[in-house]
């Protein structure tokens, strides 16, 4: 876990606060609005460049684990997110959209760290990572339009354009880099290792730019943030028990149960935030909801990793 990953939560909070401070300067606000998309595209290109896509095949050698993960992440979790959003956030459309975007995108990075802490099967979790990434690239616009597409909240054409610009184009650029470096594996490994902390740096810069561009609107609406806390906590709590229950039903070894719990709890806020800031530029509270997510998620994952570590030791 790099230094930047360890301080991820305070880093994005600091970026948000700096952005809000600079939002009071009109010239900075104008420049910041144009910087968001390029920063996000660089961030995601670097992220995709580091994802071990060659391990997709390995995921399907563990068919029961892969099937359980995919059912929870891409069938159960979207339905749970929609239900919680409908109950708690129906009167707050921007928070409704942001919450759904956060909860329908399974994590593709830091859950491996917490899986290792909890003594889960990190190799197995790594193998499922690219599958989660590829499926969320394909299903994010589908789920978002399905669950939030009524009442004019989501414009299909604009959403598709944003997904192409922010997700698929960086993904293709990352694949191109991989192909160019295929004959020099040492250089590729060195670049991937060196680029490790850069996605978090560029995400923080993009967050600062977003808040600098829309800071005044956000300041006027900070009082609504407490509304999204309850559904976020409930999502994590319910999915924790669902993951444990599924692992027990499938008779997985304890290390697999730990991996299943982590991969179905952790969410991919950077990807969701990247889409939100381009697809909903006139709804800054969507991005604010996605900022709130990891502020709660990282402490939750840290606590869950300790709980699972205790369970693992107790069952030996």
C-alpha atoms as a PDB file:
ATOM      1  CA  UNK A   1       0.000   0.000   0.000  1.00  0.00           C
ATOM      2  CA  UNK A   2       1.640   3.237  -1.145  1.00  0.00           C
ATOM      3  CA  UNK A   3       1.855   6.352   0.958  1.00  0.00           C
ATOM      4  CA  UNK A   4      -0.788   8.005  -1.236  1.00  0.00           C
ATOM      5  CA  UNK A   5      -3.166   5.061  -0.749  1.00  0.00           C
ATOM      6  CA  UNK A   6      -2.734   5.241   3.023  1.00  0.00           C
ATOM      7  CA  UNK A   7      -3.703   8.927   3.070  1.00  0.00           C
ATOM      8  CA  UNK A   8      -6.376   8.632   0.355  1.00  0.00           C
ATOM      9  CA  UNK A   9      -9.262   9.818   2.530  1.00  0.00           C
ATOM     10  CA  UNK A  10      -7.602  12.954   3.973  1.00  0.00           C
ATOM     11  CA  UNK A  11      -6.066  13.655   0.563  1.00  0.00           C
ATOM     12  CA  UNK A  12      -9.380  13.878  -1.297  1.00  0.00           C
ATOM     13  CA  UNK A  13     -10.908  15.822   1.596  1.00  0.00           C
ATOM     14  CA  UNK A  14      -8.014  18.301   1.417  1.00  0.00           C
ATOM     15  CA  UNK A  15      -8.428  18.550  -2.352  1.00  0.00           C
ATOM     16  CA  UNK A  16     -12.122  19.309  -1.926  1.00  0.00           C
ATOM     17  CA  UNK A  17     -11.439  21.997   0.688  1.00  0.00           C
ATOM     18  CA  UNK A  18      -8.751  23.630  -1.468  1.00  0.00           C
ATOM     19  CA  UNK A  19     -11.116  23.607  -4.435  1.00  0.00           C
ATOM     20  CA  UNK A  20     -13.847  25.282  -2.403  1.00  0.00           C
ATOM     21  CA  UNK A  21     -11.361  27.927  -1.269  1.00  0.00           C
ATOM     22  CA  UNK A  22     -10.315  28.706  -4.838  1.00  0.00           C
ATOM     23  CA  UNK A  23     -13.944  28.751  -6.024  1.00  0.00           C
ATOM     24  CA  UNK A  24     -14.196  32.278  -4.691  1.00  0.00           C
ATOM     25  CA  UNK A  25     -11.725  33.442  -7.388  1.00  0.00           C
ATOM     26  CA  UNK A  26     -13.619  33.876 -10.659  1.00  0.00           C
ATOM     27  CA  UNK A  27     -10.592  33.376 -12.962  1.00  0.00           C
ATOM     28  CA  UNK A  28      -9.644  30.121 -11.223  1.00  0.00           C
ATOM     29  CA  UNK A  29     -13.226  28.888 -11.403  1.00  0.00           C
ATOM     30  CA  UNK A  30     -13.269  29.282 -15.195  1.00  0.00           C
ATOM     31  CA  UNK A  31      -9.935  27.512 -15.723  1.00  0.00           C
ATOM     32  CA  UNK A  32     -10.834  24.715 -13.294  1.00  0.00           C
ATOM     33  CA  UNK A  33     -13.982  23.847 -15.239  1.00  0.00           C
ATOM     34  CA  UNK A  34     -11.903  23.115 -18.363  1.00  0.00           C
ATOM     35  CA  UNK A  35      -9.287  21.089 -16.437  1.00  0.00           C
ATOM     36  CA  UNK A  36     -11.628  18.450 -15.013  1.00  0.00           C
ATOM     37  CA  UNK A  37     -12.031  16.208 -18.069  1.00  0.00           C
ATOM     38  CA  UNK A  38      -8.309  16.028 -19.039  1.00  0.00           C
ATOM     39  CA  UNK A  39      -7.312  15.255 -15.444  1.00  0.00           C
ATOM     40  CA  UNK A  40      -9.893  12.465 -15.205  1.00  0.00           C
ATOM     41  CA  UNK A  41      -8.836  10.948 -18.521  1.00  0.00           C
ATOM     42  CA  UNK A  42      -5.181  10.855 -17.426  1.00  0.00           C
ATOM     43  CA  UNK A  43      -6.175   9.403 -14.055  1.00  0.00           C
ATOM     44  CA  UNK A  44      -8.177   6.554 -15.571  1.00  0.00           C
ATOM     45  CA  UNK A  45      -5.633   5.823 -18.304  1.00  0.00           C
ATOM     46  CA  UNK A  46      -3.011   5.316 -15.583  1.00  0.00           C
ATOM     47  CA  UNK A  47      -5.450   3.204 -13.561  1.00  0.00           C
ATOM     48  CA  UNK A  48      -6.340   0.927 -16.469  1.00  0.00           C
ATOM     49  CA  UNK A  49      -2.654   0.613 -17.420  1.00  0.00           C
ATOM     50  CA  UNK A  50      -1.990  -1.013 -14.036  1.00  0.00           C
ATOM     51  CA  UNK A  51      -4.909  -3.495 -14.096  1.00  0.00           C
ATOM     52  CA  UNK A  52      -3.694  -7.083 -14.787  1.00  0.00           C
ATOM     53  CA  UNK A  53      -6.063  -7.886 -17.668  1.00  0.00           C
ATOM     54  CA  UNK A  54      -4.125 -11.076 -18.486  1.00  0.00           C
ATOM     55  CA  UNK A  55      -5.612 -12.607 -15.343  1.00  0.00           C
ATOM     56  CA  UNK A  56      -9.192 -12.582 -16.674  1.00  0.00           C
ATOM     57  CA  UNK A  57      -8.810 -16.221 -17.729  1.00  0.00           C
ATOM     58  CA  UNK A  58      -7.651 -17.192 -14.245  1.00  0.00           C
ATOM     59  CA  UNK A  59     -10.850 -15.856 -12.726  1.00  0.00           C
ATOM     60  CA  UNK A  60     -12.888 -18.382 -14.654  1.00  0.00           C
ATOM     61  CA  UNK A  61     -10.852 -21.307 -13.372  1.00  0.00           C
ATOM     62  CA  UNK A  62     -12.556 -20.641 -10.019  1.00  0.00           C
ATOM     63  CA  UNK A  63     -16.068 -20.718 -11.426  1.00  0.00           C
ATOM     64  CA  UNK A  64     -17.999 -20.907  -8.145  1.00  0.00           C
ATOM     65  CA  UNK A  65     -16.192 -17.910  -6.645  1.00  0.00           C
ATOM     66  CA  UNK A  66     -16.469 -15.901  -9.867  1.00  0.00           C
ATOM     67  CA  UNK A  67     -20.184 -16.693 -10.184  1.00  0.00           C
ATOM     68  CA  UNK A  68     -20.897 -15.717  -6.564  1.00  0.00           C
ATOM     69  CA  UNK A  69     -18.969 -12.455  -6.999  1.00  0.00           C
ATOM     70  CA  UNK A  70     -20.695 -11.515 -10.246  1.00  0.00           C
ATOM     71  CA  UNK A  71     -24.180 -12.272  -8.914  1.00  0.00           C
ATOM     72  CA  UNK A  72     -23.659 -10.129  -5.807  1.00  0.00           C
ATOM     73  CA  UNK A  73     -21.832  -7.285  -7.564  1.00  0.00           C
ATOM     74  CA  UNK A  74     -23.879  -7.005 -10.736  1.00  0.00           C
ATOM     75  CA  UNK A  75     -27.324  -8.318  -9.823  1.00  0.00           C
ATOM     76  CA  UNK A  76     -27.906  -8.060  -6.080  1.00  0.00           C
ATOM     77  CA  UNK A  77     -25.944  -4.861  -5.330  1.00  0.00           C
ATOM     78  CA  UNK A  78     -27.613  -2.736  -8.066  1.00  0.00           C
ATOM     79  CA  UNK A  79     -31.035  -3.852  -6.821  1.00  0.00           C
ATOM     80  CA  UNK A  80     -30.065  -3.122  -3.212  1.00  0.00           C
ATOM     81  CA  UNK A  81     -28.691   0.313  -4.202  1.00  0.00           C
ATOM     82  CA  UNK A  82     -31.880   1.167  -6.078  1.00  0.00           C
ATOM     83  CA  UNK A  83     -34.049   0.053  -3.143  1.00  0.00           C
ATOM     84  CA  UNK A  84     -32.092   2.102  -0.609  1.00  0.00           C
ATOM     85  CA  UNK A  85     -32.029   5.131  -2.924  1.00  0.00           C
ATOM     86  CA  UNK A  86     -35.770   4.851  -3.490  1.00  0.00           C
ATOM     87  CA  UNK A  87     -36.494   4.706   0.247  1.00  0.00           C
ATOM     88  CA  UNK A  88     -34.056   7.363   1.500  1.00  0.00           C
ATOM     89  CA  UNK A  89     -33.211   9.646  -1.430  1.00  0.00           C
ATOM     90  CA  UNK A  90     -36.275   9.951  -3.665  1.00  0.00           C
ATOM     91  CA  UNK A  91     -36.693  13.613  -2.730  1.00  0.00           C
ATOM     92  CA  UNK A  92     -33.036  14.432  -3.453  1.00  0.00           C
ATOM     93  CA  UNK A  93     -32.398  13.559  -7.098  1.00  0.00           C
ATOM     94  CA  UNK A  94     -28.700  14.461  -7.230  1.00  0.00           C
ATOM     95  CA  UNK A  95     -27.909  12.416  -4.129  1.00  0.00           C
ATOM     96  CA  UNK A  96     -30.075   9.622  -5.563  1.00  0.00           C
ATOM     97  CA  UNK A  97     -27.974   9.512  -8.751  1.00  0.00           C
ATOM     98  CA  UNK A  98     -24.653   9.799  -6.908  1.00  0.00           C
ATOM     99  CA  UNK A  99     -25.530   7.028  -4.469  1.00  0.00           C
ATOM    100  CA  UNK A 100     -26.560   4.634  -7.245  1.00  0.00           C
ATOM    101  CA  UNK A 101     -23.425   5.418  -9.265  1.00  0.00           C
ATOM    102  CA  UNK A 102     -21.231   4.647  -6.269  1.00  0.00           C
ATOM    103  CA  UNK A 103     -22.923   1.394  -5.339  1.00  0.00           C
ATOM    104  CA  UNK A 104     -23.113  -0.186  -8.817  1.00  0.00           C
ATOM    105  CA  UNK A 105     -19.347   0.057  -9.439  1.00  0.00           C
ATOM    106  CA  UNK A 106     -17.328  -2.616  -7.561  1.00  0.00           C
ATOM    107  CA  UNK A 107     -13.794  -1.649  -6.556  1.00  0.00           C
ATOM    108  CA  UNK A 108     -10.798  -2.451  -8.759  1.00  0.00           C
ATOM    109  CA  UNK A 109      -7.896  -1.420  -6.559  1.00  0.00           C
ATOM    110  CA  UNK A 110      -7.676  -0.840  -2.800  1.00  0.00           C
ATOM    111  CA  UNK A 111      -9.867  -3.780  -1.759  1.00  0.00           C
ATOM    112  CA  UNK A 112      -6.806  -5.960  -2.432  1.00  0.00           C
ATOM    113  CA  UNK A 113      -4.962  -4.191   0.392  1.00  0.00           C
ATOM    114  CA  UNK A 114      -7.739  -4.870   2.882  1.00  0.00           C
ATOM    115  CA  UNK A 115      -8.101  -8.443   1.594  1.00  0.00           C
ATOM    116  CA  UNK A 116      -4.436  -8.993   2.411  1.00  0.00           C
ATOM    117  CA  UNK A 117      -4.816  -7.482   5.873  1.00  0.00           C
ATOM    118  CA  UNK A 118      -7.747  -9.821   6.583  1.00  0.00           C
ATOM    119  CA  UNK A 119      -5.787 -12.868   5.324  1.00  0.00           C
ATOM    120  CA  UNK A 120      -8.026 -13.410   2.312  1.00  0.00           C
ATOM    121  CA  UNK A 121      -6.933 -15.018  -0.958  1.00  0.00           C
ATOM    122  CA  UNK A 122      -5.270 -12.023  -2.655  1.00  0.00           C
ATOM    123  CA  UNK A 123      -4.435 -13.975  -5.830  1.00  0.00           C
ATOM    124  CA  UNK A 124      -8.073 -14.947  -6.238  1.00  0.00           C
ATOM    125  CA  UNK A 125      -9.199 -11.362  -5.597  1.00  0.00           C
ATOM    126  CA  UNK A 126      -6.682 -10.084  -8.128  1.00  0.00           C
ATOM    127  CA  UNK A 127      -7.985 -12.497 -10.765  1.00  0.00           C
ATOM    128  CA  UNK A 128     -11.549 -11.211 -10.381  1.00  0.00           C
ATOM    129  CA  UNK A 129     -10.435  -7.572 -10.538  1.00  0.00           C
ATOM    130  CA  UNK A 130     -10.278  -7.179 -14.350  1.00  0.00           C
ATOM    131  CA  UNK A 131     -13.626  -8.956 -14.718  1.00  0.00           C
ATOM    132  CA  UNK A 132     -15.201  -6.420 -12.344  1.00  0.00           C
ATOM    133  CA  UNK A 133     -13.607  -3.609 -14.330  1.00  0.00           C
ATOM    134  CA  UNK A 134     -14.756  -4.795 -17.757  1.00  0.00           C
ATOM    135  CA  UNK A 135     -18.311  -5.505 -16.628  1.00  0.00           C
ATOM    136  CA  UNK A 136     -18.760  -2.166 -14.884  1.00  0.00           C
ATOM    137  CA  UNK A 137     -17.532  -0.349 -17.996  1.00  0.00           C
ATOM    138  CA  UNK A 138     -20.286  -2.068 -19.947  1.00  0.00           C
ATOM    139  CA  UNK A 139     -23.053  -2.007 -17.335  1.00  0.00           C
ATOM    140  CA  UNK A 140     -22.620   1.392 -15.647  1.00  0.00           C
ATOM    141  CA  UNK A 141     -24.582   3.337 -18.301  1.00  0.00           C
ATOM    142  CA  UNK A 142     -27.189   0.560 -18.486  1.00  0.00           C
ATOM    143  CA  UNK A 143     -27.840   0.440 -14.738  1.00  0.00           C
ATOM    144  CA  UNK A 144     -27.700   4.196 -14.354  1.00  0.00           C
ATOM    145  CA  UNK A 145     -30.280   4.770 -17.050  1.00  0.00           C
ATOM    146  CA  UNK A 146     -32.408   1.869 -15.775  1.00  0.00           C
ATOM    147  CA  UNK A 147     -32.538   3.069 -12.162  1.00  0.00           C
ATOM    148  CA  UNK A 148     -32.249   6.848 -12.642  1.00  0.00           C
ATOM    149  CA  UNK A 149     -33.358   7.414 -16.214  1.00  0.00           C
ATOM    150  CA  UNK A 150     -36.889   8.488 -15.516  1.00  0.00           C
ATOM    151  CA  UNK A 151     -38.064  12.058 -15.094  1.00  0.00           C
ATOM    152  CA  UNK A 152     -35.299  13.451 -17.300  1.00  0.00           C
ATOM    153  CA  UNK A 153     -32.613  12.870 -14.654  1.00  0.00           C
ATOM    154  CA  UNK A 154     -30.319  11.170 -17.180  1.00  0.00           C
ATOM    155  CA  UNK A 155     -29.967  12.044 -20.845  1.00  0.00           C
ATOM    156  CA  UNK A 156     -28.941   8.814 -22.659  1.00  0.00           C
ATOM    157  CA  UNK A 157     -26.927  10.484 -25.440  1.00  0.00           C
ATOM    158  CA  UNK A 158     -24.962  12.671 -23.016  1.00  0.00           C
ATOM    159  CA  UNK A 159     -24.383   9.763 -20.632  1.00  0.00           C
ATOM    160  CA  UNK A 160     -23.059   7.545 -23.429  1.00  0.00           C
ATOM    161  CA  UNK A 161     -20.766  10.329 -24.654  1.00  0.00           C
ATOM    162  CA  UNK A 162     -19.420  10.834 -21.130  1.00  0.00           C
ATOM    163  CA  UNK A 163     -18.796   7.104 -20.622  1.00  0.00           C
ATOM    164  CA  UNK A 164     -16.974   6.887 -23.957  1.00  0.00           C
ATOM    165  CA  UNK A 165     -14.812   9.935 -23.178  1.00  0.00           C
ATOM    166  CA  UNK A 166     -14.047   9.132 -19.555  1.00  0.00           C
ATOM    167  CA  UNK A 167     -13.978   5.321 -19.516  1.00  0.00           C
ATOM    168  CA  UNK A 168     -13.592   3.683 -22.910  1.00  0.00           C
ATOM    169  CA  UNK A 169     -11.107   6.123 -24.457  1.00  0.00           C
ATOM    170  CA  UNK A 170      -8.683   5.903 -21.487  1.00  0.00           C
ATOM    171  CA  UNK A 171      -9.188   2.128 -21.484  1.00  0.00           C
ATOM    172  CA  UNK A 172      -8.221   1.903 -25.175  1.00  0.00           C
ATOM    173  CA  UNK A 173      -5.219   4.195 -24.668  1.00  0.00           C
ATOM    174  CA  UNK A 174      -4.047   1.986 -21.784  1.00  0.00           C
ATOM    175  CA  UNK A 175      -4.403  -1.127 -23.968  1.00  0.00           C
ATOM    176  CA  UNK A 176      -2.400   0.601 -26.711  1.00  0.00           C
ATOM    177  CA  UNK A 177       0.406   1.381 -24.265  1.00  0.00           C
ATOM    178  CA  UNK A 178       0.409  -2.248 -23.170  1.00  0.00           C
ATOM    179  CA  UNK A 179       0.716  -3.437 -26.770  1.00  0.00           C
ATOM    180  CA  UNK A 180       3.575  -1.022 -27.468  1.00  0.00           C
ATOM    181  CA  UNK A 181       5.430  -2.230 -24.365  1.00  0.00           C
ATOM    182  CA  UNK A 182       4.618  -5.903 -24.818  1.00  0.00           C
ATOM    183  CA  UNK A 183       8.105  -6.714 -26.100  1.00  0.00           C
ATOM    184  CA  UNK A 184       9.754  -4.925 -23.175  1.00  0.00           C
ATOM    185  CA  UNK A 185       8.176  -6.522 -20.084  1.00  0.00           C
ATOM    186  CA  UNK A 186      10.764  -5.061 -17.720  1.00  0.00           C
ATOM    187  CA  UNK A 187      10.000  -1.543 -18.880  1.00  0.00           C
ATOM    188  CA  UNK A 188       6.257  -2.193 -18.590  1.00  0.00           C
ATOM    189  CA  UNK A 189       6.635  -3.515 -15.056  1.00  0.00           C
ATOM    190  CA  UNK A 190       8.804  -0.544 -14.116  1.00  0.00           C
ATOM    191  CA  UNK A 191       6.315   1.950 -15.553  1.00  0.00           C
ATOM    192  CA  UNK A 192       3.372   0.250 -13.875  1.00  0.00           C
ATOM    193  CA  UNK A 193       5.184   0.296 -10.550  1.00  0.00           C
ATOM    194  CA  UNK A 194       6.242   3.914 -10.934  1.00  0.00           C
ATOM    195  CA  UNK A 195       2.744   4.987 -11.948  1.00  0.00           C
ATOM    196  CA  UNK A 196       1.228   3.427  -8.821  1.00  0.00           C
ATOM    197  CA  UNK A 197       0.411   6.602  -6.853  1.00  0.00           C
ATOM    198  CA  UNK A 198      -0.282   8.821  -9.875  1.00  0.00           C
ATOM    199  CA  UNK A 199      -3.998   7.965 -10.318  1.00  0.00           C
ATOM    200  CA  UNK A 200      -4.697   9.199  -6.776  1.00  0.00           C
ATOM    201  CA  UNK A 201      -2.722  12.390  -7.475  1.00  0.00           C
ATOM    202  CA  UNK A 202      -4.663  13.138 -10.662  1.00  0.00           C
ATOM    203  CA  UNK A 203      -7.975  12.216  -9.025  1.00  0.00           C
ATOM    204  CA  UNK A 204      -7.218  14.668  -6.217  1.00  0.00           C
ATOM    205  CA  UNK A 205      -6.408  17.385  -8.766  1.00  0.00           C
ATOM    206  CA  UNK A 206      -9.671  16.645 -10.606  1.00  0.00           C
ATOM    207  CA  UNK A 207     -11.626  16.834  -7.341  1.00  0.00           C
ATOM    208  CA  UNK A 208      -9.972  20.152  -6.510  1.00  0.00           C
ATOM    209  CA  UNK A 209     -10.852  21.442  -9.985  1.00  0.00           C
ATOM    210  CA  UNK A 210     -14.457  20.272  -9.683  1.00  0.00           C
ATOM    211  CA  UNK A 211     -14.916  21.952  -6.305  1.00  0.00           C
ATOM    212  CA  UNK A 212     -13.196  25.101  -7.556  1.00  0.00           C
ATOM    213  CA  UNK A 213     -15.641  25.176 -10.469  1.00  0.00           C
ATOM    214  CA  UNK A 214     -18.797  24.461  -8.452  1.00  0.00           C
ATOM    215  CA  UNK A 215     -17.750  25.353  -4.912  1.00  0.00           C
ATOM    216  CA  UNK A 216     -20.372  28.013  -4.282  1.00  0.00           C
ATOM    217  CA  UNK A 217     -23.245  25.690  -5.171  1.00  0.00           C
ATOM    218  CA  UNK A 218     -21.793  22.950  -2.980  1.00  0.00           C
ATOM    219  CA  UNK A 219     -21.391  25.271  -0.004  1.00  0.00           C
ATOM    220  CA  UNK A 220     -25.040  26.196  -0.248  1.00  0.00           C
ATOM    221  CA  UNK A 221     -26.067  22.525  -0.052  1.00  0.00           C
ATOM    222  CA  UNK A 222     -23.706  20.942   2.471  1.00  0.00           C
ATOM    223  CA  UNK A 223     -26.573  20.556   4.922  1.00  0.00           C
ATOM    224  CA  UNK A 224     -28.046  17.707   2.843  1.00  0.00           C
ATOM    225  CA  UNK A 225     -24.993  15.471   3.219  1.00  0.00           C
ATOM    226  CA  UNK A 226     -26.252  13.758   6.376  1.00  0.00           C
ATOM    227  CA  UNK A 227     -29.157  12.361   4.328  1.00  0.00           C
ATOM    228  CA  UNK A 228     -26.870  10.027   2.363  1.00  0.00           C
ATOM    229  CA  UNK A 229     -25.036   8.648   5.402  1.00  0.00           C
ATOM    230  CA  UNK A 230     -27.794   6.207   6.390  1.00  0.00           C
ATOM    231  CA  UNK A 231     -28.196   4.427   3.011  1.00  0.00           C
ATOM    232  CA  UNK A 232     -24.389   4.171   2.606  1.00  0.00           C
ATOM    233  CA  UNK A 233     -23.973   2.555   6.023  1.00  0.00           C
ATOM    234  CA  UNK A 234     -26.930   0.240   5.392  1.00  0.00           C
ATOM    235  CA  UNK A 235     -25.482  -0.839   2.037  1.00  0.00           C
ATOM    236  CA  UNK A 236     -22.181  -1.846   3.632  1.00  0.00           C
ATOM    237  CA  UNK A 237     -23.872  -3.547   6.569  1.00  0.00           C
ATOM    238  CA  UNK A 238     -26.310  -5.563   4.427  1.00  0.00           C
ATOM    239  CA  UNK A 239     -23.663  -6.586   1.886  1.00  0.00           C
ATOM    240  CA  UNK A 240     -21.318  -7.705   4.650  1.00  0.00           C
ATOM    241  CA  UNK A 241     -23.866 -10.262   5.827  1.00  0.00           C
ATOM    242  CA  UNK A 242     -24.816 -11.192   2.239  1.00  0.00           C
ATOM    243  CA  UNK A 243     -21.170 -11.883   1.403  1.00  0.00           C
ATOM    244  CA  UNK A 244     -20.655 -13.999   4.510  1.00  0.00           C
ATOM    245  CA  UNK A 245     -23.919 -15.869   3.932  1.00  0.00           C
ATOM    246  CA  UNK A 246     -23.041 -16.604   0.288  1.00  0.00           C
ATOM    247  CA  UNK A 247     -19.586 -17.855   1.275  1.00  0.00           C
ATOM    248  CA  UNK A 248     -21.121 -20.186   3.844  1.00  0.00           C
ATOM    249  CA  UNK A 249     -23.750 -21.482   1.414  1.00  0.00           C
ATOM    250  CA  UNK A 250     -21.086 -22.177  -1.226  1.00  0.00           C
ATOM    251  CA  UNK A 251     -18.907 -23.844   1.424  1.00  0.00           C
ATOM    252  CA  UNK A 252     -15.912 -21.684   0.547  1.00  0.00           C
ATOM    253  CA  UNK A 253     -12.724 -21.881   2.607  1.00  0.00           C
ATOM    254  CA  UNK A 254     -12.310 -18.968   5.013  1.00  0.00           C
ATOM    255  CA  UNK A 255      -9.794 -17.173   2.791  1.00  0.00           C
ATOM    256  CA  UNK A 256     -12.296 -17.236  -0.108  1.00  0.00           C
ATOM    257  CA  UNK A 257     -15.093 -15.978   2.149  1.00  0.00           C
ATOM    258  CA  UNK A 258     -12.889 -13.064   3.140  1.00  0.00           C
ATOM    259  CA  UNK A 259     -12.108 -12.288  -0.505  1.00  0.00           C
ATOM    260  CA  UNK A 260     -15.785 -12.489  -1.423  1.00  0.00           C
ATOM    261  CA  UNK A 261     -16.758 -10.124   1.396  1.00  0.00           C
ATOM    262  CA  UNK A 262     -14.140  -7.546   0.415  1.00  0.00           C
ATOM    263  CA  UNK A 263     -14.809  -7.568  -3.324  1.00  0.00           C
ATOM    264  CA  UNK A 264     -18.555  -7.181  -2.781  1.00  0.00           C
ATOM    265  CA  UNK A 265     -18.181  -4.417  -0.178  1.00  0.00           C
ATOM    266  CA  UNK A 266     -15.597  -2.077  -1.726  1.00  0.00           C
ATOM    267  CA  UNK A 267     -16.818   0.405  -4.326  1.00  0.00           C
ATOM    268  CA  UNK A 268     -15.026   2.113  -7.213  1.00  0.00           C
ATOM    269  CA  UNK A 269     -15.558   5.780  -6.349  1.00  0.00           C
ATOM    270  CA  UNK A 270     -12.855   7.110  -8.744  1.00  0.00           C
ATOM    271  CA  UNK A 271     -14.545   5.625 -11.823  1.00  0.00           C
ATOM    272  CA  UNK A 272     -18.023   6.657 -10.687  1.00  0.00           C
ATOM    273  CA  UNK A 273     -16.764  10.145  -9.821  1.00  0.00           C
ATOM    274  CA  UNK A 274     -15.092  10.500 -13.216  1.00  0.00           C
ATOM    275  CA  UNK A 275     -18.358   9.767 -15.004  1.00  0.00           C
ATOM    276  CA  UNK A 276     -20.387  11.956 -12.645  1.00  0.00           C
ATOM    277  CA  UNK A 277     -18.235  15.039 -13.140  1.00  0.00           C
ATOM    278  CA  UNK A 278     -18.605  14.826 -16.917  1.00  0.00           C
ATOM    279  CA  UNK A 279     -22.135  13.439 -17.277  1.00  0.00           C
ATOM    280  CA  UNK A 280     -23.698  15.745 -14.666  1.00  0.00           C
ATOM    281  CA  UNK A 281     -21.780  19.040 -14.732  1.00  0.00           C
ATOM    282  CA  UNK A 282     -24.938  20.920 -13.742  1.00  0.00           C
ATOM    283  CA  UNK A 283     -25.520  18.673 -10.697  1.00  0.00           C
ATOM    284  CA  UNK A 284     -22.493  19.130  -8.387  1.00  0.00           C
ATOM    285  CA  UNK A 285     -24.304  17.334  -5.557  1.00  0.00           C
ATOM    286  CA  UNK A 286     -23.943  14.098  -7.546  1.00  0.00           C
ATOM    287  CA  UNK A 287     -20.174  14.429  -7.215  1.00  0.00           C
ATOM    288  CA  UNK A 288     -20.536  15.496  -3.585  1.00  0.00           C
ATOM    289  CA  UNK A 289     -22.406  12.264  -2.841  1.00  0.00           C
ATOM    290  CA  UNK A 290     -19.564  10.311  -4.436  1.00  0.00           C
ATOM    291  CA  UNK A 291     -16.991  12.204  -2.364  1.00  0.00           C
ATOM    292  CA  UNK A 292     -18.910  11.255   0.782  1.00  0.00           C
ATOM    293  CA  UNK A 293     -18.808   7.556  -0.140  1.00  0.00           C
ATOM    294  CA  UNK A 294     -15.077   6.895   0.328  1.00  0.00           C
ATOM    295  CA  UNK A 295     -14.975   9.058   3.461  1.00  0.00           C
ATOM    296  CA  UNK A 296     -17.168   6.357   5.007  1.00  0.00           C
ATOM    297  CA  UNK A 297     -15.987   3.404   2.951  1.00  0.00           C
ATOM    298  CA  UNK A 298     -12.310   3.384   3.907  1.00  0.00           C
ATOM    299  CA  UNK A 299     -12.954   3.320   7.691  1.00  0.00           C
ATOM    300  CA  UNK A 300     -15.601   0.630   7.093  1.00  0.00           C
ATOM    301  CA  UNK A 301     -13.179  -1.533   5.094  1.00  0.00           C
ATOM    302  CA  UNK A 302     -10.492  -1.064   7.744  1.00  0.00           C
ATOM    303  CA  UNK A 303     -12.926  -2.182  10.470  1.00  0.00           C
ATOM    304  CA  UNK A 304     -14.255  -5.106   8.402  1.00  0.00           C
ATOM    305  CA  UNK A 305     -10.722  -6.330   7.674  1.00  0.00           C
ATOM    306  CA  UNK A 306     -10.066  -6.529  11.422  1.00  0.00           C
ATOM    307  CA  UNK A 307     -13.382  -8.332  12.023  1.00  0.00           C
ATOM    308  CA  UNK A 308     -12.614 -10.868   9.282  1.00  0.00           C
ATOM    309  CA  UNK A 309      -9.075 -11.318  10.604  1.00  0.00           C
ATOM    310  CA  UNK A 310     -10.529 -12.122  14.033  1.00  0.00           C
ATOM    311  CA  UNK A 311     -13.016 -14.583  12.511  1.00  0.00           C
ATOM    312  CA  UNK A 312     -10.225 -16.254  10.503  1.00  0.00           C
ATOM    313  CA  UNK A 313      -8.059 -16.715  13.596  1.00  0.00           C
ATOM    314  CA  UNK A 314     -11.014 -17.895  15.688  1.00  0.00           C
ATOM    315  CA  UNK A 315     -11.985 -20.579  13.111  1.00  0.00           C
ATOM    316  CA  UNK A 316      -8.516 -22.116  12.952  1.00  0.00           C
END
